[in-house]
Amino acid sequence: MNPAHRRPGGGFQNPWLGPVPGRLGDLLRWLLIERVRHRRAADPPAAAFPIVEPTLIRPRAAADAVTLTWIGHATFLVQIGSRNVLTDPMWGERASPLSFVGPRRRVPPALALAELPPVDLVLQSHNHYDHLDDGTVRALAAGHPAAQWYVPLGVGSFVRARGVRHIFELDWGDTRTTASLTVTCAPAQHFSGRGVSDRNRTLWCSWALHAGSRAVYFGGDSGYHPQFAALRSRLGPFDAVLLPIGAYAPRWFMAPVHMNPEEAVRAYQELTRGGTEPALFAGMHWGTFRLTDEPLDEPPRRTRAAWAAAGLAPDRLWIPRHGETRRL
């Protein structure tokens, strides 16, 4: 019998809810009707999104260290277990199949591809254009040919066709140990597709990294779902939890697939409750591309308010500036 996230007839589904909104009619309602009736707020000035100089450790951090550098959107350089790990690498100018239309980058990557230290692993959460970029994959395959790529089921053919040599396709619950790291593919609530005919043909996921007693959870792209506490029980405790806080409006359309800030704080609590040392919350998936209707600078404000309302330790919340490095 197939697991609950396998769709009858092939492909994948979210096992905790019915069909996810997002069919063509829903998309047209949002883009052609609601956006005409309700004009989006103007973007804040570029000064609202400063880029700072990364202070990552070259070529690699110590085995017992954890270092996080936000490059933008869902792209982090995670240094753990003396390995350099990239999450959802996206250096493209547009999150689109076309070079002249589609969401355009508002903040450039905080670190150029040529400035990266040796890349040992790449974690890919799914195949949407703002997370999986053709040009970026090609550049990393050429510049870091020894890197191992960990992708959810069905995504391997995409990166292989662009020159990646070392690919591991994992299903939810699969674990693989390489050198000093253990990599676990974990559930998320989202969808996949790069065209009109491949919706949910490939899997989406989150990832957990373990190196000895150190652990980092990368949430990928996800709506709020009921499995966060189970992930804590199975894979925690975590030193850091990287969760999306943006791309959530309008809620009728985005709620199944994108957490809002309040839900992200709730997910953090469920992922970390009971830990002896509170994990760091790192907010991502905001401020780089404007994908949805909320103001580009709103997610940090709402996240801080939700964090304070929950009575959580102020020093455990990190809303990074582009390029900012945090050492744990």
Protein backbone atom coordinates (compact mmCIF):
# COMPACT_ATOMS: atom_id res chain seq x y z
CA MET A 1 0.00 0.00 0.00
CA ASN A 2 1.36 3.43 -0.92
CA PRO A 3 2.08 5.99 1.81
CA ALA A 4 -0.58 8.65 2.27
CA HIS A 5 1.44 11.27 0.38
CA ARG A 6 1.48 9.13 -2.79
CA ARG A 7 -1.33 10.12 -5.13
CA PRO A 8 -3.36 7.28 -6.65
CA GLY A 9 -2.36 7.00 -10.28
CA GLY A 10 1.01 8.64 -9.72
CA GLY A 11 2.43 11.81 -8.25
CA PHE A 12 2.05 13.19 -4.76
CA GLN A 13 -0.43 14.89 -2.45
CA ASN A 14 -0.70 16.46 0.98
CA PRO A 15 -2.14 13.76 3.23
CA TRP A 16 -3.66 16.13 5.82
CA LEU A 17 -6.07 18.13 3.68
CA GLY A 18 -8.15 17.95 0.53
CA PRO A 19 -7.11 19.30 -2.85
CA VAL A 20 -4.93 22.38 -2.53
CA PRO A 21 -6.36 25.56 -4.10
CA GLY A 22 -4.40 26.80 -7.06
CA ARG A 23 -6.18 25.54 -10.09
CA LEU A 24 -6.24 27.86 -13.07
CA GLY A 25 -9.58 29.37 -12.07
CA ASP A 26 -8.30 30.25 -8.59
CA LEU A 27 -5.16 31.78 -10.04
CA LEU A 28 -7.11 33.91 -12.50
CA ARG A 29 -9.50 35.03 -9.76
CA TRP A 30 -6.54 36.21 -7.71
CA LEU A 31 -4.49 37.85 -10.45
CA LEU A 32 -7.19 39.28 -12.71
CA ILE A 33 -10.04 40.10 -10.32
CA GLU A 34 -8.83 40.58 -6.77
CA ARG A 35 -5.65 42.43 -7.70
CA VAL A 36 -7.68 44.82 -9.84
CA ARG A 37 -10.08 45.50 -6.99
CA HIS A 38 -7.46 45.70 -4.26
CA ARG A 39 -4.24 47.38 -5.30
CA ARG A 40 -1.15 45.99 -3.58
CA ALA A 41 0.75 48.27 -1.25
CA ALA A 42 3.82 49.93 -2.73
CA ASP A 43 7.13 48.28 -1.97
CA PRO A 44 9.32 49.97 0.64
CA PRO A 45 12.54 51.65 -0.52
CA ALA A 46 15.63 49.54 -1.15
CA ALA A 47 17.16 50.90 2.06
CA ALA A 48 14.63 48.79 3.98
CA PHE A 49 16.53 45.67 2.87
CA PRO A 50 20.21 46.30 3.64
CA ILE A 51 22.85 43.81 2.57
CA VAL A 52 25.60 43.13 5.08
CA GLU A 53 28.97 41.48 4.62
CA PRO A 54 28.78 37.78 5.47
CA THR A 55 31.14 36.58 8.20
CA LEU A 56 31.06 32.90 7.32
CA ILE A 57 34.03 30.68 8.16
CA ARG A 58 36.34 29.70 5.28
CA PRO A 59 36.88 27.14 4.04
CA ARG A 60 34.76 25.28 6.63
CA ALA A 61 33.64 25.71 10.22
CA ALA A 62 34.79 23.47 13.07
CA ALA A 63 33.09 20.11 13.44
CA ASP A 64 31.16 21.17 16.55
CA ALA A 65 30.12 24.58 15.22
CA VAL A 66 26.89 25.67 13.49
CA THR A 67 27.03 28.78 11.32
CA LEU A 68 24.14 30.17 9.27
CA THR A 69 24.43 32.78 6.51
CA TRP A 70 21.32 34.08 4.75
CA ILE A 71 21.97 34.69 1.07
CA GLY A 72 18.35 35.52 0.33
CA HIS A 73 14.85 34.01 0.02
CA ALA A 74 15.21 30.32 1.07
CA THR A 75 18.95 30.17 0.35
CA PHE A 76 21.19 29.69 3.37
CA LEU A 77 24.77 28.56 3.66
CA VAL A 78 24.65 26.20 6.64
CA GLN A 79 28.04 25.26 8.08
CA ILE A 80 27.67 22.16 10.25
CA GLY A 81 29.81 19.11 10.92
CA SER A 82 32.73 20.71 9.02
CA ARG A 83 30.55 20.71 5.90
CA ASN A 84 29.17 23.55 3.80
CA VAL A 85 25.51 23.04 2.92
CA LEU A 86 23.37 25.18 0.60
CA THR A 87 19.60 25.21 0.92
CA ASP A 88 17.40 25.85 -2.12
CA PRO A 89 20.12 27.73 -4.02
CA MET A 90 18.62 30.58 -6.03
CA TRP A 91 20.86 33.18 -7.67
CA GLY A 92 18.55 33.93 -10.59
CA GLU A 93 17.25 37.38 -11.45
CA ARG A 94 13.66 36.18 -11.92
CA ALA A 95 11.64 33.37 -10.36
CA SER A 96 10.17 32.51 -13.72
CA PRO A 97 10.65 30.30 -16.78
CA LEU A 98 11.10 33.50 -18.81
CA SER A 99 13.89 36.05 -18.56
CA PHE A 100 11.67 39.07 -19.24
CA VAL A 101 8.60 38.49 -17.09
CA GLY A 102 7.77 37.03 -13.69
CA PRO A 103 8.75 37.92 -10.12
CA ARG A 104 11.99 39.87 -10.21
CA ARG A 105 14.61 39.86 -7.52
CA ARG A 106 14.32 42.95 -5.29
CA VAL A 107 17.54 42.27 -3.37
CA PRO A 108 20.61 40.77 -5.08
CA PRO A 109 22.23 37.65 -3.63
CA ALA A 110 24.26 38.64 -0.59
CA LEU A 111 27.11 36.40 -1.72
CA ALA A 112 28.16 35.90 -5.33
CA LEU A 113 28.42 32.35 -6.62
CA ALA A 114 32.15 32.87 -7.14
CA GLU A 115 32.52 33.87 -3.47
CA LEU A 116 31.11 30.64 -2.06
CA PRO A 117 33.39 28.38 -0.04
CA PRO A 118 33.61 24.74 -1.23
CA VAL A 119 30.06 23.40 -1.38
CA ASP A 120 29.72 19.89 0.01
CA LEU A 121 25.94 19.38 0.01
CA VAL A 122 22.90 20.98 -1.55
CA LEU A 123 19.42 20.48 -0.08
CA GLN A 124 16.53 21.03 -2.49
CA SER A 125 13.00 21.23 -1.08
CA HIS A 126 10.96 21.23 -4.32
CA ASN A 127 10.98 22.38 -7.92
CA HIS A 128 9.28 25.80 -7.97
CA TYR A 129 11.12 28.55 -9.82
CA ASP A 130 11.88 30.61 -6.74
CA HIS A 131 13.64 27.60 -5.17
CA LEU A 132 15.10 25.65 -8.11
CA ASP A 133 16.79 27.80 -10.73
CA ASP A 134 18.19 26.50 -14.02
CA GLY A 135 21.18 28.85 -14.23
CA THR A 136 22.08 28.41 -10.58
CA VAL A 137 22.08 24.62 -10.86
CA ARG A 138 24.33 24.76 -13.92
CA ALA A 139 26.74 27.17 -12.24
CA LEU A 140 26.99 25.08 -9.07
CA ALA A 141 27.41 21.86 -11.05
CA ALA A 142 30.33 23.41 -12.91
CA GLY A 143 31.92 25.20 -9.96
CA HIS A 144 31.38 22.54 -7.30
CA PRO A 145 31.28 19.22 -9.16
CA ALA A 146 31.92 17.11 -6.04
CA ALA A 147 28.87 18.48 -4.19
CA GLN A 148 26.18 15.98 -3.24
CA TRP A 149 22.63 17.04 -4.07
CA TYR A 150 19.75 15.81 -1.91
CA VAL A 151 16.41 16.18 -3.66
CA PRO A 152 12.87 14.85 -3.12
CA LEU A 153 11.52 12.13 -5.38
CA GLY A 154 11.32 13.08 -9.04
CA VAL A 155 13.61 16.12 -8.92
CA GLY A 156 16.82 14.22 -9.68
CA SER A 157 16.33 14.25 -13.45
CA PHE A 158 16.21 18.06 -13.49
CA VAL A 159 19.54 18.59 -11.76
CA ARG A 160 21.17 15.64 -13.57
CA ALA A 161 20.31 17.19 -16.93
CA ARG A 162 22.15 20.35 -15.86
CA GLY A 163 25.40 18.66 -14.96
CA VAL A 164 25.01 17.55 -11.34
CA ARG A 165 26.89 14.29 -10.79
CA HIS A 166 26.11 13.15 -7.24
CA ILE A 167 22.35 12.96 -6.64
CA PHE A 168 20.34 11.31 -3.90
CA GLU A 169 16.55 11.23 -4.33
CA LEU A 170 14.81 10.71 -1.00
CA ASP A 171 11.26 10.10 0.09
CA TRP A 172 9.73 11.41 3.32
CA GLY A 173 11.36 9.54 6.18
CA ASP A 174 14.45 8.47 4.23
CA THR A 175 17.81 9.08 5.89
CA ARG A 176 21.31 9.00 4.46
CA THR A 177 24.64 9.47 6.24
CA THR A 178 27.56 11.02 4.40
CA ALA A 179 30.90 11.85 6.03
CA SER A 180 30.04 13.75 9.24
CA LEU A 181 26.39 14.49 8.36
CA THR A 182 23.12 12.61 8.52
CA VAL A 183 20.48 13.97 6.14
CA THR A 184 16.79 13.21 6.64
CA CYS A 185 13.99 14.00 4.21
CA ALA A 186 10.94 15.14 6.18
CA PRO A 187 7.34 16.12 5.35
CA ALA A 188 6.12 19.53 4.27
CA GLN A 189 2.75 20.80 3.06
CA HIS A 190 3.12 22.30 -0.38
CA PHE A 191 2.88 21.35 -4.07
CA SER A 192 5.15 21.12 -7.10
CA GLY A 193 5.24 21.95 -10.78
CA ARG A 194 7.10 24.05 -13.33
CA GLY A 195 4.49 24.02 -16.09
CA VAL A 196 0.84 23.39 -16.83
CA SER A 197 1.06 19.60 -17.06
CA ASP A 198 3.39 18.50 -14.24
CA ARG A 199 1.53 19.64 -11.12
CA ASN A 200 2.48 17.42 -8.15
CA ARG A 201 4.42 14.98 -10.32
CA THR A 202 7.47 15.48 -8.08
CA LEU A 203 7.67 15.52 -4.30
CA TRP A 204 8.24 18.45 -1.92
CA CYS A 205 9.87 18.19 1.50
CA SER A 206 11.74 19.71 4.42
CA TRP A 207 15.17 18.56 5.62
CA ALA A 208 16.93 17.80 8.90
CA LEU A 209 20.71 17.85 9.25
CA HIS A 210 22.52 16.10 12.11
CA ALA A 211 26.22 16.22 12.94
CA GLY A 212 26.94 14.58 16.27
CA SER A 213 24.90 16.46 18.86
CA ARG A 214 24.19 19.41 16.54
CA ALA A 215 21.06 19.60 14.37
CA VAL A 216 19.40 22.07 12.00
CA TYR A 217 15.90 21.88 10.53
CA PHE A 218 15.24 23.52 7.14
CA GLY A 219 11.51 23.91 6.57
CA GLY A 220 11.65 24.46 2.82
CA ASP A 221 8.34 25.90 1.62
CA SER A 222 5.29 24.82 3.58
CA GLY A 223 1.88 25.59 4.90
CA TYR A 224 1.15 24.88 8.53
CA HIS A 225 0.50 21.15 9.06
CA PRO A 226 -0.02 18.75 11.98
CA GLN A 227 3.35 16.96 11.80
CA PHE A 228 5.71 19.46 13.43
CA ALA A 229 5.45 17.92 16.90
CA ALA A 230 6.12 14.48 15.42
CA LEU A 231 9.18 15.85 13.64
CA ARG A 232 10.46 17.17 16.95
CA SER A 233 9.98 13.79 18.58
CA ARG A 234 11.73 11.95 15.80
CA LEU A 235 14.45 14.36 14.72
CA GLY A 236 14.92 16.93 17.51
CA PRO A 237 16.17 18.64 19.49
CA PHE A 238 17.39 21.27 17.04
CA ASP A 239 19.97 24.00 17.42
CA ALA A 240 18.25 26.08 14.73
CA VAL A 241 14.95 25.98 12.88
CA LEU A 242 14.77 27.73 9.49
CA LEU A 243 11.16 28.50 8.62
CA PRO A 244 9.38 30.54 5.93
CA ILE A 245 7.54 33.63 7.15
CA GLY A 246 6.47 35.30 3.86
CA ALA A 247 4.34 34.84 0.70
CA TYR A 248 1.07 34.31 2.59
CA ALA A 249 -1.53 36.73 1.16
CA PRO A 250 -4.32 36.35 0.18
CA ARG A 251 -5.01 33.69 2.79
CA TRP A 252 -7.86 32.01 0.89
CA PHE A 253 -5.33 31.15 -1.82
CA MET A 254 -2.05 30.79 0.06
CA ALA A 255 -2.98 29.28 3.45
CA PRO A 256 -2.61 25.61 2.43
CA VAL A 257 0.89 26.08 1.04
CA HIS A 258 2.49 29.07 2.81
CA MET A 259 2.55 29.74 6.55
CA ASN A 260 1.91 33.25 7.76
CA PRO A 261 4.13 34.61 10.57
CA GLU A 262 1.77 33.55 13.34
CA GLU A 263 1.67 29.99 12.01
CA ALA A 264 5.44 29.95 11.64
CA VAL A 265 5.85 30.85 15.32
CA ARG A 266 3.36 28.11 16.22
CA ALA A 267 5.29 25.62 14.08
CA TYR A 268 8.51 26.66 15.83
CA GLN A 269 6.95 26.00 19.22
CA GLU A 270 5.81 22.55 18.15
CA LEU A 271 9.22 21.76 16.66
CA THR A 272 11.10 22.80 19.79
CA ARG A 273 8.81 22.46 22.80
CA GLY A 274 10.51 20.68 25.68
CA GLY A 275 14.07 21.29 24.54
CA THR A 276 16.56 22.04 27.30
CA GLU A 277 18.14 24.85 25.24
CA PRO A 278 15.75 26.92 23.09
CA ALA A 279 16.51 26.60 19.39
CA LEU A 280 17.17 29.61 17.20
CA PHE A 281 14.31 30.62 14.91
CA ALA A 282 15.62 31.90 11.55
CA GLY A 283 12.98 33.58 9.40
CA MET A 284 13.33 33.17 5.63
CA HIS A 285 11.30 33.32 2.40
CA TRP A 286 10.61 37.04 2.60
CA GLY A 287 12.10 40.32 1.36
CA THR A 288 13.87 38.95 -1.74
CA PHE A 289 11.08 38.34 -4.26
CA ARG A 290 7.59 39.79 -4.07
CA LEU A 291 5.51 36.73 -4.83
CA THR A 292 2.21 37.56 -3.13
CA ASP A 293 0.12 40.47 -1.88
CA GLU A 294 1.44 41.35 1.58
CA PRO A 295 3.88 44.29 1.75
CA LEU A 296 7.43 43.07 1.26
CA ASP A 297 8.53 44.29 4.69
CA GLU A 298 5.49 43.07 6.65
CA PRO A 299 6.59 39.49 7.53
CA PRO A 300 9.32 40.54 10.02
CA ARG A 301 6.97 42.89 11.85
CA ARG A 302 4.26 40.27 12.23
CA THR A 303 6.78 37.60 13.22
CA ARG A 304 8.23 39.78 15.99
CA ALA A 305 4.74 40.58 17.25
CA ALA A 306 3.72 36.90 17.28
CA TRP A 307 6.98 35.98 19.01
CA ALA A 308 6.42 38.54 21.76
CA ALA A 309 2.77 37.51 22.18
CA ALA A 310 3.92 33.90 22.69
CA GLY A 311 6.32 34.99 25.43
CA LEU A 312 9.36 33.48 23.73
CA ALA A 313 12.95 34.45 24.49
CA PRO A 314 13.85 37.54 22.43
CA ASP A 315 17.40 36.37 21.70
CA ARG A 316 16.09 33.18 20.07
CA LEU A 317 14.39 35.06 17.22
CA TRP A 318 16.59 35.92 14.25
CA ILE A 319 15.18 37.81 11.29
CA PRO A 320 18.41 38.11 9.33
CA ARG A 321 19.48 40.89 7.04
CA HIS A 322 20.58 39.71 3.62
CA GLY A 323 24.12 38.41 4.05
CA GLU A 324 23.99 38.25 7.82
CA THR A 325 25.81 35.38 9.55
CA ARG A 326 24.83 33.87 12.88
CA ARG A 327 27.18 31.55 14.78
CA LEU A 328 25.70 29.20 17.34
